[in-house]
Amino acid sequence: MKLDKKAFAIKTFAQADNNRAYWLTKTPKERLAAAWNFSCRMYNLNPDNLEEIKLDRTIFKIRKRK
């Protein structure tokens, strides 16, 4: 899947509604695949290689509940 950089622009609410109608024509599987691809691009991850995605344990700490 290749990102079309020309597709992003300032739109009116009517134009944005047409975009929503487009995504509603897609199957849930296609919509999830597109969302996963966008998320991977945002975090600069390889969407085809899930093994390289690891949790940074220096950020999260485990605490015991009292």
Protein backbone atom coordinates (compact mmCIF):
# COMPACT_ATOMS: atom_id res chain seq x y z
CA MET A 1 0.00 0.00 0.00
CA LYS A 2 1.48 3.36 -1.01
CA LEU A 3 0.54 6.65 0.63
CA ASP A 4 -0.81 9.23 -1.82
CA LYS A 5 0.45 12.56 -0.45
CA LYS A 6 -1.81 14.50 -2.83
CA ALA A 7 -4.86 13.09 -1.04
CA PHE A 8 -4.38 15.27 2.04
CA ALA A 9 -5.81 18.78 1.87
CA ILE A 10 -8.06 21.15 3.75
CA LYS A 11 -11.63 20.07 3.09
CA THR A 12 -15.12 21.28 3.78
CA PHE A 13 -17.48 19.22 5.92
CA ALA A 14 -19.32 18.05 2.79
CA GLN A 15 -16.08 16.81 1.24
CA ALA A 16 -15.12 15.08 4.49
CA ASP A 17 -18.51 13.37 4.52
CA ASN A 18 -17.76 11.97 1.06
CA ASN A 19 -14.54 10.52 2.49
CA ARG A 20 -16.57 8.81 5.23
CA ALA A 21 -18.91 7.36 2.61
CA TYR A 22 -15.86 5.97 0.76
CA TRP A 23 -14.59 4.15 3.84
CA LEU A 24 -18.05 2.77 4.58
CA THR A 25 -17.97 1.04 1.19
CA LYS A 26 -14.89 -0.91 2.30
CA THR A 27 -15.11 -4.12 4.28
CA PRO A 28 -14.18 -4.04 7.99
CA LYS A 29 -11.08 -6.08 7.17
CA GLU A 30 -9.93 -3.48 4.60
CA ARG A 31 -10.60 -0.62 7.03
CA LEU A 32 -8.59 -2.32 9.79
CA ALA A 33 -5.73 -3.01 7.37
CA ALA A 34 -5.67 0.67 6.37
CA ALA A 35 -5.77 1.81 10.02
CA TRP A 36 -2.90 -0.56 10.87
CA ASN A 37 -0.90 0.75 7.92
CA PHE A 38 -1.47 4.39 8.95
CA SER A 39 -0.50 3.61 12.55
CA CYS A 40 2.70 1.89 11.45
CA ARG A 41 3.62 4.81 9.21
CA MET A 42 3.00 7.25 12.06
CA TYR A 43 5.40 5.38 14.36
CA ASN A 44 7.86 4.54 11.55
CA LEU A 45 7.36 0.77 11.89
CA ASN A 46 7.42 -1.96 9.27
CA PRO A 47 3.78 -3.16 9.00
CA ASP A 48 4.89 -6.53 7.58
CA ASN A 49 7.29 -7.41 10.41
CA LEU A 50 5.52 -7.61 13.76
CA GLU A 51 8.52 -9.18 15.51
CA GLU A 52 10.44 -5.90 15.58
CA ILE A 53 7.74 -4.18 17.64
CA LYS A 54 8.70 -4.32 21.30
CA LEU A 55 7.46 -2.56 24.39
CA ASP A 56 9.89 -0.04 25.82
CA ARG A 57 9.98 -1.20 29.43
CA THR A 58 11.94 1.84 30.59
CA ILE A 59 8.79 3.97 30.24
CA PHE A 60 6.35 1.70 32.07
CA LYS A 61 6.83 0.67 35.69
CA ILE A 62 5.12 -2.16 37.52
CA ARG A 63 3.71 -1.17 40.89
CA LYS A 64 2.01 -3.33 43.47
CA ARG A 65 -1.49 -2.36 44.47
CA LYS A 66 -2.04 -1.65 48.12
